[in-house]
Protein backbone atom coordinates (compact mmCIF):
# COMPACT_ATOMS: atom_id res chain seq x y z
CA MET A 1 45.24 -26.84 -83.91
CA LYS A 2 41.83 -26.99 -85.58
CA LYS A 3 42.48 -30.52 -86.90
CA SER A 4 43.44 -31.65 -83.39
CA ALA A 5 40.18 -30.27 -81.97
CA ASN A 6 38.17 -32.01 -84.70
CA LYS A 7 39.87 -35.33 -83.93
CA THR A 8 39.03 -34.90 -80.25
CA TRP A 9 35.37 -34.37 -81.04
CA ILE A 10 35.30 -37.38 -83.34
CA TRP A 11 36.70 -39.59 -80.58
CA ILE A 12 34.17 -38.21 -78.07
CA ILE A 13 31.29 -39.01 -80.44
CA VAL A 14 32.65 -42.51 -81.10
CA LEU A 15 32.95 -43.20 -77.36
CA LEU A 16 29.42 -41.97 -76.76
CA VAL A 17 28.06 -44.22 -79.51
CA ILE A 18 29.92 -47.22 -78.05
CA PHE A 19 28.63 -46.43 -74.57
CA ILE A 20 25.05 -46.13 -75.81
CA GLY A 21 25.35 -49.42 -77.70
CA LEU A 22 26.67 -51.25 -74.66
CA SER A 23 23.93 -49.76 -72.47
CA VAL A 24 21.23 -50.93 -74.87
CA MET A 25 22.73 -54.43 -75.08
CA LEU A 26 23.02 -54.76 -71.31
CA GLU A 27 19.49 -53.48 -70.82
CA SER A 28 18.08 -55.95 -73.34
CA ASN A 29 19.67 -58.82 -71.40
CA GLN A 30 18.09 -57.78 -68.11
CA PRO A 31 15.01 -59.76 -66.98
CA LYS A 32 11.73 -57.90 -67.20
CA GLU A 33 10.51 -56.43 -63.93
CA TYR A 34 6.97 -57.10 -62.73
CA ARG A 35 4.87 -55.62 -59.98
CA PRO A 36 4.43 -57.94 -56.97
CA PHE A 37 1.18 -59.93 -56.83
CA ALA A 38 0.26 -59.14 -60.46
CA SER A 39 -1.83 -61.79 -62.22
CA HIS A 40 0.33 -61.64 -65.38
CA SER A 41 3.65 -61.86 -63.49
CA PRO A 42 5.68 -65.10 -63.79
CA SER A 43 8.14 -63.89 -61.14
CA PRO A 44 8.19 -65.56 -57.69
CA THR A 45 6.09 -62.70 -56.26
CA GLY A 46 3.47 -62.89 -59.02
CA VAL A 47 0.25 -64.92 -59.08
CA LYS A 48 0.24 -65.98 -62.73
CA ALA A 49 0.33 -69.70 -61.86
CA PHE A 50 -2.85 -69.42 -59.79
CA PHE A 51 -4.53 -67.31 -62.48
CA THR A 52 -3.59 -69.80 -65.20
CA TYR A 53 -4.83 -72.74 -63.12
CA LEU A 54 -8.22 -71.12 -62.51
CA GLU A 55 -8.41 -70.16 -66.16
CA SER A 56 -8.06 -73.83 -67.14
CA GLU A 57 -10.55 -75.08 -64.53
CA LEU A 58 -13.30 -72.45 -64.62
CA ASP A 59 -15.42 -71.05 -67.42
CA SER A 60 -14.71 -67.37 -66.86
CA VAL A 61 -11.59 -65.84 -65.29
CA LYS A 62 -10.94 -62.16 -66.01
CA ARG A 63 -8.77 -59.22 -64.97
CA LEU A 64 -10.31 -56.02 -63.64
CA GLY A 65 -8.23 -53.13 -64.97
CA ASP A 66 -10.85 -50.39 -64.59
CA SER A 67 -12.80 -48.98 -61.68
CA PRO A 68 -14.99 -51.46 -59.75
CA SER A 69 -17.99 -49.40 -60.84
CA GLN A 70 -17.62 -51.19 -64.20
CA LEU A 71 -18.41 -54.57 -62.61
CA ASN A 72 -21.83 -55.96 -63.47
CA GLN A 73 -24.13 -56.68 -60.55
CA GLU A 74 -24.91 -60.34 -61.31
CA GLU A 75 -24.77 -62.73 -58.37
CA ASN A 76 -22.18 -65.36 -57.46
CA GLN A 77 -19.10 -63.53 -58.74
CA LEU A 78 -15.74 -63.60 -56.97
CA LEU A 79 -13.28 -60.69 -56.91
CA LEU A 80 -9.72 -61.44 -55.72
CA MET A 81 -7.84 -58.46 -54.29
CA VAL A 82 -4.25 -59.62 -53.77
CA GLU A 83 -2.16 -57.17 -51.69
CA PRO A 84 -3.97 -54.09 -53.07
CA ASN A 85 -2.96 -50.51 -52.38
CA LEU A 86 -5.01 -48.73 -49.74
CA VAL A 87 -8.18 -47.34 -51.30
CA ASP A 88 -8.17 -43.60 -50.54
CA SER A 89 -11.36 -42.83 -52.48
CA GLN A 90 -14.65 -43.34 -50.66
CA VAL A 91 -16.44 -43.55 -54.01
CA THR A 92 -14.26 -46.51 -55.05
CA MET A 93 -14.76 -48.19 -51.69
CA ASP A 94 -18.53 -47.77 -52.06
CA ASP A 95 -18.33 -49.45 -55.48
CA TYR A 96 -16.66 -52.49 -53.90
CA ILE A 97 -19.33 -52.62 -51.20
CA THR A 98 -22.14 -52.30 -53.77
CA PHE A 99 -20.61 -55.22 -55.66
CA MET A 100 -20.77 -57.39 -52.52
CA GLU A 101 -24.27 -56.28 -51.53
CA ALA A 102 -25.51 -57.48 -54.92
CA GLY A 103 -24.69 -61.06 -53.89
CA ASN A 104 -20.99 -61.35 -54.75
CA THR A 105 -17.82 -62.16 -52.79
CA ILE A 106 -14.56 -60.26 -52.38
CA LEU A 107 -11.57 -62.34 -51.28
CA LEU A 108 -9.11 -59.83 -49.80
CA LEU A 109 -5.59 -61.20 -49.32
CA LYS A 110 -3.41 -58.55 -47.69
CA ARG A 111 -0.69 -58.75 -45.05
CA ASN A 112 -2.10 -55.78 -43.17
CA VAL A 113 -5.81 -55.25 -43.80
CA GLU A 114 -5.98 -52.21 -41.50
CA GLY A 115 -7.85 -49.41 -43.27
CA MET A 116 -9.62 -51.69 -45.78
CA PHE A 117 -13.40 -52.15 -45.36
CA GLN A 118 -13.19 -50.87 -41.76
CA LEU A 119 -11.06 -53.85 -40.74
CA HIS A 120 -8.77 -53.62 -37.71
CA THR A 121 -5.62 -55.51 -36.78
CA GLU A 122 -3.24 -56.16 -33.91
CA PHE A 123 0.44 -57.09 -33.75
CA ALA A 124 1.59 -60.72 -33.52
CA LEU A 125 4.84 -61.98 -32.03
CA ASP A 126 5.92 -64.39 -34.76
CA GLU A 127 6.08 -64.04 -38.52
CA GLY A 128 7.83 -65.78 -41.37
CA GLU A 129 7.22 -69.25 -39.96
CA THR A 130 5.20 -72.29 -41.00
CA VAL A 131 2.54 -72.74 -38.34
CA ARG A 132 -0.52 -74.86 -37.67
CA VAL A 133 -3.75 -73.14 -38.62
CA THR A 134 -7.23 -74.13 -37.43
CA ASP A 135 -10.31 -73.52 -39.60
CA TRP A 136 -13.94 -72.95 -38.55
CA LEU A 137 -14.48 -76.73 -38.48
CA GLU A 138 -11.50 -77.08 -36.11
CA LYS A 139 -9.51 -78.86 -38.78
CA GLU A 140 -5.77 -78.17 -38.71
CA TRP A 141 -3.66 -77.09 -41.67
CA GLU A 142 -0.04 -76.07 -42.21
CA ALA A 143 0.65 -72.64 -43.67
CA LEU A 144 3.44 -70.09 -43.97
CA ILE A 145 2.54 -66.81 -42.26
CA LEU A 146 4.66 -63.86 -43.41
CA SER A 147 2.42 -61.23 -41.84
CA GLY A 148 3.15 -59.76 -38.43
CA MET A 149 -0.49 -58.72 -38.01
CA ARG A 150 -3.65 -60.52 -36.90
CA ILE A 151 -7.24 -59.51 -37.65
CA ILE A 152 -9.54 -58.26 -34.88
CA PRO A 153 -13.01 -59.66 -35.68
CA ASN A 154 -16.33 -58.01 -34.85
CA GLU A 155 -19.11 -59.84 -33.06
CA GLU A 156 -20.89 -60.43 -36.38
CA ASP A 157 -17.77 -61.73 -38.15
CA GLN A 158 -17.15 -65.44 -38.62
CA VAL A 159 -13.59 -66.56 -37.87
CA LEU A 160 -12.43 -68.81 -40.70
CA LEU A 161 -8.76 -69.37 -39.82
CA GLN A 162 -6.66 -68.74 -36.74
CA ASP A 163 -3.41 -69.76 -35.09
CA GLU A 164 -1.92 -69.33 -31.64
CA GLN A 165 -1.19 -65.66 -32.31
CA GLY A 166 -4.70 -64.70 -33.38
CA VAL A 167 -7.17 -64.56 -36.27
CA ILE A 168 -5.84 -65.06 -39.80
CA ALA A 169 -9.07 -64.97 -41.85
CA ILE A 170 -12.64 -63.77 -41.27
CA LYS A 171 -15.91 -63.59 -43.20
CA ARG A 172 -18.15 -60.51 -42.96
CA GLU A 173 -21.61 -60.24 -44.51
CA TYR A 174 -22.45 -57.33 -46.83
CA GLY A 175 -26.08 -57.51 -47.93
CA ALA A 176 -26.51 -60.62 -50.06
CA GLY A 177 -22.74 -60.97 -50.47
CA GLN A 178 -19.68 -61.24 -48.26
CA LEU A 179 -16.11 -60.14 -47.63
CA ILE A 180 -13.46 -62.74 -46.85
CA ALA A 181 -10.30 -61.12 -45.46
CA VAL A 182 -7.03 -63.07 -45.14
CA ASN A 183 -3.67 -61.76 -43.94
CA SER A 184 -1.61 -64.05 -46.22
CA PRO A 185 -1.47 -63.05 -49.91
CA ASP A 186 1.76 -65.07 -50.25
CA TRP A 187 -0.24 -68.30 -50.27
CA ILE A 188 -1.17 -67.84 -53.95
CA THR A 189 2.16 -66.47 -55.20
CA ASN A 190 4.18 -68.51 -57.67
CA GLN A 191 6.83 -69.08 -55.01
CA PHE A 192 4.63 -70.49 -52.23
CA ILE A 193 1.41 -71.75 -53.83
CA LEU A 194 2.50 -75.41 -53.80
CA GLU A 195 4.05 -75.31 -50.33
CA ALA A 196 2.33 -76.58 -47.16
CA ASP A 197 -1.50 -76.53 -47.49
CA HIS A 198 -1.75 -73.15 -49.19
CA LEU A 199 -3.71 -74.22 -52.27
CA SER A 200 -6.23 -76.25 -50.24
CA LEU A 201 -6.73 -73.38 -47.81
CA VAL A 202 -7.44 -70.90 -50.60
CA PHE A 203 -9.97 -73.21 -52.28
CA ASN A 204 -11.72 -73.76 -48.93
CA LEU A 205 -12.01 -70.00 -48.51
CA MET A 206 -13.46 -69.61 -52.01
CA GLU A 207 -16.31 -71.97 -50.98
CA GLU A 208 -18.82 -72.30 -53.86
CA GLU A 209 -17.66 -72.27 -57.46
CA PRO A 210 -18.33 -68.75 -58.78
CA THR A 211 -19.70 -67.95 -62.22
CA VAL A 212 -16.93 -65.39 -62.83
CA VAL A 213 -13.58 -64.89 -61.07
CA TRP A 214 -12.07 -61.41 -61.26
CA PHE A 215 -8.44 -60.58 -60.45
CA ASP A 216 -8.37 -56.96 -59.31
CA GLU A 217 -5.47 -55.20 -61.07
CA TYR A 218 -7.10 -51.80 -60.65
CA SER A 219 -6.25 -51.74 -56.94
CA HIS A 220 -2.55 -52.18 -57.78
CA GLN A 221 -2.48 -48.86 -59.58
CA SER A 222 -0.79 -46.15 -57.54
CA SER A 223 -2.70 -42.95 -56.82
CA GLN A 224 0.52 -41.06 -57.44
CA LEU A 225 2.10 -40.30 -60.78
CA ALA A 226 4.31 -43.04 -62.11
CA ASN A 227 8.05 -42.61 -61.88
CA VAL A 228 9.87 -41.56 -65.04
CA THR A 229 11.96 -44.74 -64.90
CA GLU A 230 8.75 -46.78 -64.92
CA ILE A 231 7.25 -45.00 -67.92
CA TYR A 232 10.24 -45.02 -70.28
CA PRO A 233 12.68 -47.87 -71.00
CA LYS A 234 16.15 -47.46 -69.55
CA TRP A 235 17.86 -47.49 -72.95
CA LEU A 236 15.80 -44.45 -73.93
CA LEU A 237 16.73 -42.64 -70.70
CA VAL A 238 20.42 -43.44 -71.28
CA LEU A 239 20.16 -42.14 -74.85
CA GLY A 240 18.51 -38.94 -73.62
CA LEU A 241 21.25 -38.41 -71.03
CA GLN A 242 23.95 -38.87 -73.66
CA LEU A 243 22.25 -36.37 -75.97
CA ILE A 244 22.12 -33.82 -73.15
CA ILE A 245 25.84 -34.29 -72.42
CA LEU A 246 26.67 -34.06 -76.13
CA THR A 247 24.62 -30.87 -76.47
CA LEU A 248 26.41 -29.25 -73.51
CA LEU A 249 29.80 -30.15 -74.96
CA TRP A 250 28.78 -28.75 -78.35
CA LEU A 251 27.60 -25.49 -76.77
CA LEU A 252 30.88 -25.16 -74.89
CA TYR A 253 32.77 -25.85 -78.10
CA ARG A 254 30.78 -23.11 -79.85
CA GLY A 255 31.73 -20.68 -77.11
CA LYS A 256 28.33 -20.27 -75.48
CA ARG A 257 28.53 -18.71 -72.03
CA PHE A 258 26.97 -20.16 -68.88
CA GLY A 259 26.67 -18.39 -65.56
CA PRO A 260 26.90 -14.68 -64.71
CA ILE A 261 28.28 -12.15 -67.17
CA ARG A 262 31.40 -10.52 -65.72
CA THR A 263 32.13 -7.00 -66.90
CA PRO A 264 35.80 -6.30 -67.70
CA ARG A 265 37.47 -4.22 -65.00
CA GLU A 266 38.34 -1.37 -67.34
CA SER A 267 34.66 -0.96 -68.22
CA TYR A 268 33.50 -0.07 -64.72
CA VAL A 269 36.61 1.46 -63.13
CA ARG A 270 36.11 4.55 -65.27
CA PHE A 271 33.00 5.67 -63.38
CA SER A 272 33.37 3.78 -60.13
CA ASP A 273 34.40 4.89 -56.64
CA GLU A 274 37.87 3.62 -57.46
CA HIS A 275 38.18 6.21 -60.20
CA ILE A 276 36.91 8.99 -57.94
CA THR A 277 39.35 7.97 -55.21
CA SER A 278 42.22 8.04 -57.70
CA LEU A 279 41.27 11.53 -58.88
CA ALA A 280 41.02 12.80 -55.32
CA ALA A 281 44.45 11.39 -54.52
CA TRP A 282 45.86 13.03 -57.64
CA TYR A 283 44.40 16.43 -56.72
CA GLU A 284 45.64 16.12 -53.14
CA LYS A 285 49.12 15.02 -54.10
CA GLY A 286 49.50 17.90 -56.55
CA LYS A 287 47.82 20.34 -54.15
CA LEU A 288 45.38 21.25 -56.92
CA TYR A 289 42.79 22.41 -54.42
CA ASN A 290 41.56 25.28 -56.56
CA ASP A 291 40.98 23.01 -59.57
CA SER A 292 39.08 20.57 -57.38
CA LEU A 293 36.80 23.30 -56.02
CA LYS A 294 36.11 24.59 -59.54
CA THR A 295 35.12 21.08 -60.63
CA GLN A 296 32.79 20.68 -57.65
CA ALA A 297 31.23 24.11 -58.11
CA ASP A 298 30.76 23.49 -61.83
CA TYR A 299 29.01 20.19 -61.09
CA VAL A 300 26.64 21.91 -58.61
CA LYS A 301 25.84 24.56 -61.26
CA MET A 302 24.87 21.77 -63.66
CA LEU A 303 22.65 20.20 -60.99
CA LEU A 304 20.95 23.55 -60.35
CA ARG A 305 20.07 23.77 -64.02
CA GLU A 306 18.80 20.17 -64.25
CA LYS A 307 16.89 20.05 -60.95
CA TRP A 308 15.71 23.58 -60.31
CA GLY A 309 15.94 25.23 -63.74
CA ILE A 310 18.52 27.86 -62.71
CA PRO A 311 20.62 28.97 -65.70
CA TYR A 312 24.17 27.65 -65.68
CA GLU A 313 25.63 31.01 -66.78
CA LYS A 314 24.10 32.95 -63.90
CA GLU A 315 26.64 34.24 -61.40
CA TRP A 316 26.71 32.86 -57.88
CA ARG A 317 26.02 36.18 -56.19
CA LEU A 318 22.72 36.50 -58.15
CA LEU A 319 21.33 33.19 -56.87
CA HIS A 320 20.48 34.32 -53.33
CA ASN A 321 16.71 34.65 -53.71
CA GLN A 322 16.29 31.42 -55.67
CA LEU A 323 18.46 29.34 -53.34
CA SER A 324 16.87 30.78 -50.19
CA PHE A 325 13.47 29.73 -51.51
CA LYS A 326 14.57 26.22 -52.52
CA VAL A 327 16.93 24.98 -49.79
CA LYS A 328 15.48 23.40 -46.65
CA LYS A 329 18.39 22.33 -44.43
CA MET A 330 20.85 25.20 -44.95
CA SER A 331 20.28 28.41 -43.00
CA GLU A 332 19.96 31.83 -44.60
CA GLU A 333 23.39 32.77 -43.28
CA GLU A 334 25.02 29.64 -44.75
CA VAL A 335 23.48 30.31 -48.16
CA SER A 336 24.60 33.95 -48.08
CA THR A 337 28.14 33.03 -47.05
CA LEU A 338 28.38 30.47 -49.85
CA ILE A 339 27.14 32.55 -52.77
CA HIS A 340 29.03 35.71 -51.80
CA GLY A 341 32.34 34.06 -50.99
CA ILE A 342 32.66 31.24 -53.48
CA GLU A 343 33.54 33.40 -56.48
CA ASP A 344 36.41 35.01 -54.56
CA VAL A 345 37.75 31.58 -53.59
CA LEU A 346 37.48 30.23 -57.13
CA THR A 347 39.48 33.16 -58.53
CA LYS A 348 42.42 32.60 -56.18
CA SER A 349 45.48 30.98 -57.71
CA ASN A 350 46.37 29.08 -54.55
CA ILE A 351 44.39 28.11 -51.46
CA SER A 352 45.37 26.23 -48.33
CA LYS A 353 44.22 22.75 -47.49
CA GLN A 354 42.14 24.02 -44.56
CA GLU A 355 40.37 26.54 -46.77
CA TYR A 356 39.77 23.86 -49.39
CA VAL A 357 38.16 21.52 -46.85
CA LEU A 358 35.93 24.34 -45.55
CA TRP A 359 34.59 25.31 -48.98
CA ALA A 360 34.37 21.74 -50.22
CA ASN A 361 32.04 20.96 -47.29
CA ARG A 362 29.89 24.03 -48.05
CA ILE A 363 29.58 23.07 -51.72
CA ASP A 364 28.82 19.49 -50.76
CA ARG A 365 25.98 20.58 -48.46
CA LEU A 366 24.40 22.52 -51.30
CA ARG A 367 24.86 19.56 -53.64
CA ASN A 368 23.02 17.31 -51.19
CA GLU A 369 20.15 19.83 -51.01
CA VAL A 370 19.82 19.89 -54.80
CA GLU A 371 20.07 16.12 -55.27
CA GLU A 372 17.40 15.45 -52.65
């Protein structure tokens, strides 16, 4: 029997090892996942192609991985924010504004710019289509618009691009610098950068050649804690799960208990209501009324000693003064009847059922007084 159990465990361990090995192999063959619009992402939703192109054409192209407060305040810098998360910190937003006021430009490419730099939007009817776009010089371009929103410009804003549905891009002055907001980050993704007139449109929006181009990766960081599946590789999570299962199986094999502890019936029946009911039925069936009264009276005597300090050996008829002083709910007559009549009842060899019930109730009333 023991050898059979050992063989079973060996097979379980072997199967777990095989399963872990297959999981690791399958995981290693899966393509690496990248965040959308990341400058290091070669996936269709990434912008690595645009980053690499600028890196080869310009003197200085960098990634901003820290807070915008770390940006130097030199003039003629360009910061690209490609589909950033909403900035929920006013301090961070002030850092971006300070950067622009120093004479720099932020090119914000986001499908819905509502909530960024106090920009406002409205709904458009069409999205996901290649449309004709008109710039500020009334020149027409072709572009794919995947956003269902259009920008609502202020009176001071300059409209840079628009279509039949509304404004696509604006320019807003901030001190010596400016904000350029566009609702189409897909124009510079690896998938769409070479389609239509996307590349030409983006270069027109960038205007002058900047001294430094920053790609803002800081704004892609979530304000919430990262998911466990994003922090640890899947093969490690699978291995951890298998170890947990193996540990549970080992604990069960060793006989460890889980859940509530159940007391064996014979351990609690002895002093439970079931036991008392059985004794009462036995006394009643055998008509052992006298024995039952003696047991009850003896128990009350023990309570009197424990609760009120009355000696157990003291006769009932000598307890009148002490009981009259202690009891609250029984009348003087009831106390007198009990202590003067109980000894006569207990000495009888046989008593009737009616007499037993009468004296059992009297003893029980005294017991309640003592226990309270």
